[in-house]
């Protein structure tokens, strides 16, 4: 296990909090598969994470537009930055299947980014959206 659900701040919006819990589940399953060098399982989970991230970001962005969230451009910019970075890691994984590189990305970049992003942007967004 790489990240506990309690490591990511609850934002007070049931939908957003549920999406984060699901994302944490996928991250942990992926991390565990990578550590065990279960390449087939990790490959499927990388595919799942790519789809889940896009669904997560797109849904949040739709909510922000619907509620005319004042910081939409900045929040979306962070999503776009992580979309790009994860896609780079994903594409490299598909070519090389190197568990250590994805583990390093998850530990050093993604989990750090997720905690910070949720605390800064998702919390603020949830305050405007309500529950």
C-alpha atoms as a PDB file:
ATOM      1  CA  UNK A   1       0.000   0.000   0.000  1.00  0.00           C
ATOM      2  CA  UNK A   2       1.350   3.349  -1.017  1.00  0.00           C
ATOM      3  CA  UNK A   3      -1.315   5.738   0.219  1.00  0.00           C
ATOM      4  CA  UNK A   4      -4.042   5.441   2.839  1.00  0.00           C
ATOM      5  CA  UNK A   5      -7.458   7.008   2.198  1.00  0.00           C
ATOM      6  CA  UNK A   6      -6.889   9.249   5.225  1.00  0.00           C
ATOM      7  CA  UNK A   7      -3.716  10.640   3.625  1.00  0.00           C
ATOM      8  CA  UNK A   8      -5.854  12.615   1.179  1.00  0.00           C
ATOM      9  CA  UNK A   9      -7.968  15.340   2.711  1.00  0.00           C
ATOM     10  CA  UNK A  10     -11.753  14.951   2.534  1.00  0.00           C
ATOM     11  CA  UNK A  11     -13.226  17.934   0.691  1.00  0.00           C
ATOM     12  CA  UNK A  12     -16.800  17.753   1.933  1.00  0.00           C
ATOM     13  CA  UNK A  13     -18.397  16.853  -1.395  1.00  0.00           C
ATOM     14  CA  UNK A  14     -19.576  13.245  -1.457  1.00  0.00           C
ATOM     15  CA  UNK A  15     -19.023  12.796  -5.185  1.00  0.00           C
ATOM     16  CA  UNK A  16     -15.488  14.230  -5.205  1.00  0.00           C
ATOM     17  CA  UNK A  17     -14.520  12.353  -2.031  1.00  0.00           C
ATOM     18  CA  UNK A  18     -15.805   9.087  -3.548  1.00  0.00           C
ATOM     19  CA  UNK A  19     -13.815   9.678  -6.750  1.00  0.00           C
ATOM     20  CA  UNK A  20     -10.678  10.234  -4.673  1.00  0.00           C
ATOM     21  CA  UNK A  21     -11.265   7.019  -2.701  1.00  0.00           C
ATOM     22  CA  UNK A  22     -11.584   5.061  -5.939  1.00  0.00           C
ATOM     23  CA  UNK A  23      -8.425   6.678  -7.289  1.00  0.00           C
ATOM     24  CA  UNK A  24      -6.538   5.727  -4.126  1.00  0.00           C
ATOM     25  CA  UNK A  25      -7.726   2.119  -4.527  1.00  0.00           C
ATOM     26  CA  UNK A  26      -6.381   1.985  -8.099  1.00  0.00           C
ATOM     27  CA  UNK A  27      -3.080   3.624  -7.109  1.00  0.00           C
ATOM     28  CA  UNK A  28      -2.566   1.106  -4.313  1.00  0.00           C
ATOM     29  CA  UNK A  29      -3.436  -1.888  -6.490  1.00  0.00           C
ATOM     30  CA  UNK A  30      -1.084  -0.603  -9.177  1.00  0.00           C
ATOM     31  CA  UNK A  31       1.708   0.029  -6.684  1.00  0.00           C
ATOM     32  CA  UNK A  32       1.321  -3.448  -5.167  1.00  0.00           C
ATOM     33  CA  UNK A  33       1.386  -5.091  -8.621  1.00  0.00           C
ATOM     34  CA  UNK A  34       4.483  -3.108  -9.573  1.00  0.00           C
ATOM     35  CA  UNK A  35       6.307  -4.030  -6.360  1.00  0.00           C
ATOM     36  CA  UNK A  36       5.483  -7.709  -6.986  1.00  0.00           C
ATOM     37  CA  UNK A  37       6.591  -7.263 -10.608  1.00  0.00           C
ATOM     38  CA  UNK A  38       3.212  -8.599 -11.766  1.00  0.00           C
ATOM     39  CA  UNK A  39       3.539  -7.009 -15.208  1.00  0.00           C
ATOM     40  CA  UNK A  40       0.207  -8.245 -16.607  1.00  0.00           C
ATOM     41  CA  UNK A  41      -1.783  -6.928 -13.648  1.00  0.00           C
ATOM     42  CA  UNK A  42       0.198  -3.669 -13.596  1.00  0.00           C
ATOM     43  CA  UNK A  43      -0.447  -3.234 -17.312  1.00  0.00           C
ATOM     44  CA  UNK A  44      -4.216  -3.546 -16.821  1.00  0.00           C
ATOM     45  CA  UNK A  45      -4.097  -1.168 -13.864  1.00  0.00           C
ATOM     46  CA  UNK A  46      -2.111   1.386 -15.863  1.00  0.00           C
ATOM     47  CA  UNK A  47      -4.904   1.277 -18.445  1.00  0.00           C
ATOM     48  CA  UNK A  48      -7.501   1.633 -15.696  1.00  0.00           C
ATOM     49  CA  UNK A  49      -5.656   4.551 -14.125  1.00  0.00           C
ATOM     50  CA  UNK A  50      -5.406   6.365 -17.462  1.00  0.00           C
ATOM     51  CA  UNK A  51      -9.180   6.099 -17.940  1.00  0.00           C
ATOM     52  CA  UNK A  52      -9.985   6.892 -14.292  1.00  0.00           C
ATOM     53  CA  UNK A  53      -7.817  10.004 -14.273  1.00  0.00           C
ATOM     54  CA  UNK A  54      -9.450  11.325 -17.407  1.00  0.00           C
ATOM     55  CA  UNK A  55     -12.939  10.603 -16.056  1.00  0.00           C
ATOM     56  CA  UNK A  56     -12.039  12.200 -12.728  1.00  0.00           C
ATOM     57  CA  UNK A  57     -10.611  15.358 -14.269  1.00  0.00           C
ATOM     58  CA  UNK A  58     -13.302  15.726 -16.924  1.00  0.00           C
ATOM     59  CA  UNK A  59     -16.123  15.314 -14.420  1.00  0.00           C
ATOM     60  CA  UNK A  60     -14.608  17.864 -12.034  1.00  0.00           C
ATOM     61  CA  UNK A  61     -14.104  20.280 -14.908  1.00  0.00           C
ATOM     62  CA  UNK A  62     -17.727  19.914 -16.001  1.00  0.00           C
ATOM     63  CA  UNK A  63     -18.893  20.637 -12.446  1.00  0.00           C
ATOM     64  CA  UNK A  64     -16.630  23.681 -12.235  1.00  0.00           C
ATOM     65  CA  UNK A  65     -18.028  25.079 -15.477  1.00  0.00           C
ATOM     66  CA  UNK A  66     -21.603  24.345 -14.420  1.00  0.00           C
ATOM     67  CA  UNK A  67     -21.143  26.172 -11.109  1.00  0.00           C
ATOM     68  CA  UNK A  68     -18.972  28.887 -12.694  1.00  0.00           C
ATOM     69  CA  UNK A  69     -16.077  28.178 -10.357  1.00  0.00           C
ATOM     70  CA  UNK A  70     -13.903  31.292 -10.236  1.00  0.00           C
ATOM     71  CA  UNK A  71     -10.593  29.409 -10.386  1.00  0.00           C
ATOM     72  CA  UNK A  72     -11.540  27.000 -13.156  1.00  0.00           C
ATOM     73  CA  UNK A  73      -8.620  27.937 -15.464  1.00  0.00           C
ATOM     74  CA  UNK A  74      -6.028  27.390 -12.730  1.00  0.00           C
ATOM     75  CA  UNK A  75      -7.605  24.165 -11.468  1.00  0.00           C
ATOM     76  CA  UNK A  76      -7.898  22.800 -15.014  1.00  0.00           C
ATOM     77  CA  UNK A  77      -4.290  23.787 -15.731  1.00  0.00           C
ATOM     78  CA  UNK A  78      -3.140  21.506 -12.907  1.00  0.00           C
ATOM     79  CA  UNK A  79      -5.266  18.702 -14.329  1.00  0.00           C
ATOM     80  CA  UNK A  80      -3.766  19.272 -17.774  1.00  0.00           C
ATOM     81  CA  UNK A  81      -0.253  19.213 -16.381  1.00  0.00           C
ATOM     82  CA  UNK A  82      -0.873  15.855 -14.650  1.00  0.00           C
ATOM     83  CA  UNK A  83      -2.712  14.473 -17.701  1.00  0.00           C
ATOM     84  CA  UNK A  84       0.397  15.197 -19.756  1.00  0.00           C
ATOM     85  CA  UNK A  85       2.813  13.827 -17.174  1.00  0.00           C
ATOM     86  CA  UNK A  86       0.848  10.637 -16.561  1.00  0.00           C
ATOM     87  CA  UNK A  87       0.529  10.062 -20.317  1.00  0.00           C
ATOM     88  CA  UNK A  88       4.325  10.331 -20.616  1.00  0.00           C
ATOM     89  CA  UNK A  89       4.764   7.725 -17.869  1.00  0.00           C
ATOM     90  CA  UNK A  90       2.027   5.561 -19.395  1.00  0.00           C
ATOM     91  CA  UNK A  91       3.546   5.654 -22.885  1.00  0.00           C
ATOM     92  CA  UNK A  92       6.997   4.792 -21.532  1.00  0.00           C
ATOM     93  CA  UNK A  93       5.474   1.955 -19.492  1.00  0.00           C
ATOM     94  CA  UNK A  94       3.811   0.537 -22.612  1.00  0.00           C
ATOM     95  CA  UNK A  95       7.202   0.434 -24.375  1.00  0.00           C
ATOM     96  CA  UNK A  96       9.484  -0.672 -21.549  1.00  0.00           C
ATOM     97  CA  UNK A  97       7.315  -2.223 -18.798  1.00  0.00           C
ATOM     98  CA  UNK A  98       9.745  -0.961 -16.158  1.00  0.00           C
ATOM     99  CA  UNK A  99       8.053  -1.208 -12.723  1.00  0.00           C
ATOM    100  CA  UNK A 100      10.742   0.871 -10.998  1.00  0.00           C
ATOM    101  CA  UNK A 101      10.049   3.925 -13.143  1.00  0.00           C
ATOM    102  CA  UNK A 102       6.320   3.856 -12.442  1.00  0.00           C
ATOM    103  CA  UNK A 103       6.935   3.231  -8.728  1.00  0.00           C
ATOM    104  CA  UNK A 104       9.226   6.254  -8.659  1.00  0.00           C
ATOM    105  CA  UNK A 105       6.613   8.380 -10.451  1.00  0.00           C
ATOM    106  CA  UNK A 106       3.848   7.293  -8.075  1.00  0.00           C
ATOM    107  CA  UNK A 107       5.935   7.895  -4.940  1.00  0.00           C
ATOM    108  CA  UNK A 108       7.824  11.032  -5.907  1.00  0.00           C
ATOM    109  CA  UNK A 109       5.355  12.815  -8.164  1.00  0.00           C
ATOM    110  CA  UNK A 110       1.797  11.561  -8.282  1.00  0.00           C
ATOM    111  CA  UNK A 111       1.012  11.017  -4.595  1.00  0.00           C
ATOM    112  CA  UNK A 112       2.682  14.315  -3.664  1.00  0.00           C
ATOM    113  CA  UNK A 113       0.725  16.081  -6.408  1.00  0.00           C
ATOM    114  CA  UNK A 114      -2.570  14.425  -5.430  1.00  0.00           C
ATOM    115  CA  UNK A 115      -2.332  15.426  -1.763  1.00  0.00           C
ATOM    116  CA  UNK A 116      -1.419  19.002  -2.654  1.00  0.00           C
ATOM    117  CA  UNK A 117      -3.991  19.311  -5.438  1.00  0.00           C
ATOM    118  CA  UNK A 118      -6.844  18.015  -3.300  1.00  0.00           C
ATOM    119  CA  UNK A 119      -5.943  20.252  -0.366  1.00  0.00           C
ATOM    120  CA  UNK A 120      -5.619  23.356  -2.527  1.00  0.00           C
ATOM    121  CA  UNK A 121      -7.954  23.057  -5.503  1.00  0.00           C
ATOM    122  CA  UNK A 122     -10.466  20.300  -4.843  1.00  0.00           C
ATOM    123  CA  UNK A 123     -11.245  21.593  -1.350  1.00  0.00           C
ATOM    124  CA  UNK A 124     -11.845  25.097  -2.700  1.00  0.00           C
ATOM    125  CA  UNK A 125     -13.940  23.718  -5.543  1.00  0.00           C
ATOM    126  CA  UNK A 126     -16.017  21.584  -3.160  1.00  0.00           C
ATOM    127  CA  UNK A 127     -16.687  24.610  -0.956  1.00  0.00           C
ATOM    128  CA  UNK A 128     -18.292  26.358  -3.926  1.00  0.00           C
ATOM    129  CA  UNK A 129     -20.169  23.262  -5.114  1.00  0.00           C
ATOM    130  CA  UNK A 130     -21.420  22.185  -1.700  1.00  0.00           C
ATOM    131  CA  UNK A 131     -22.309  18.573  -1.055  1.00  0.00           C
END
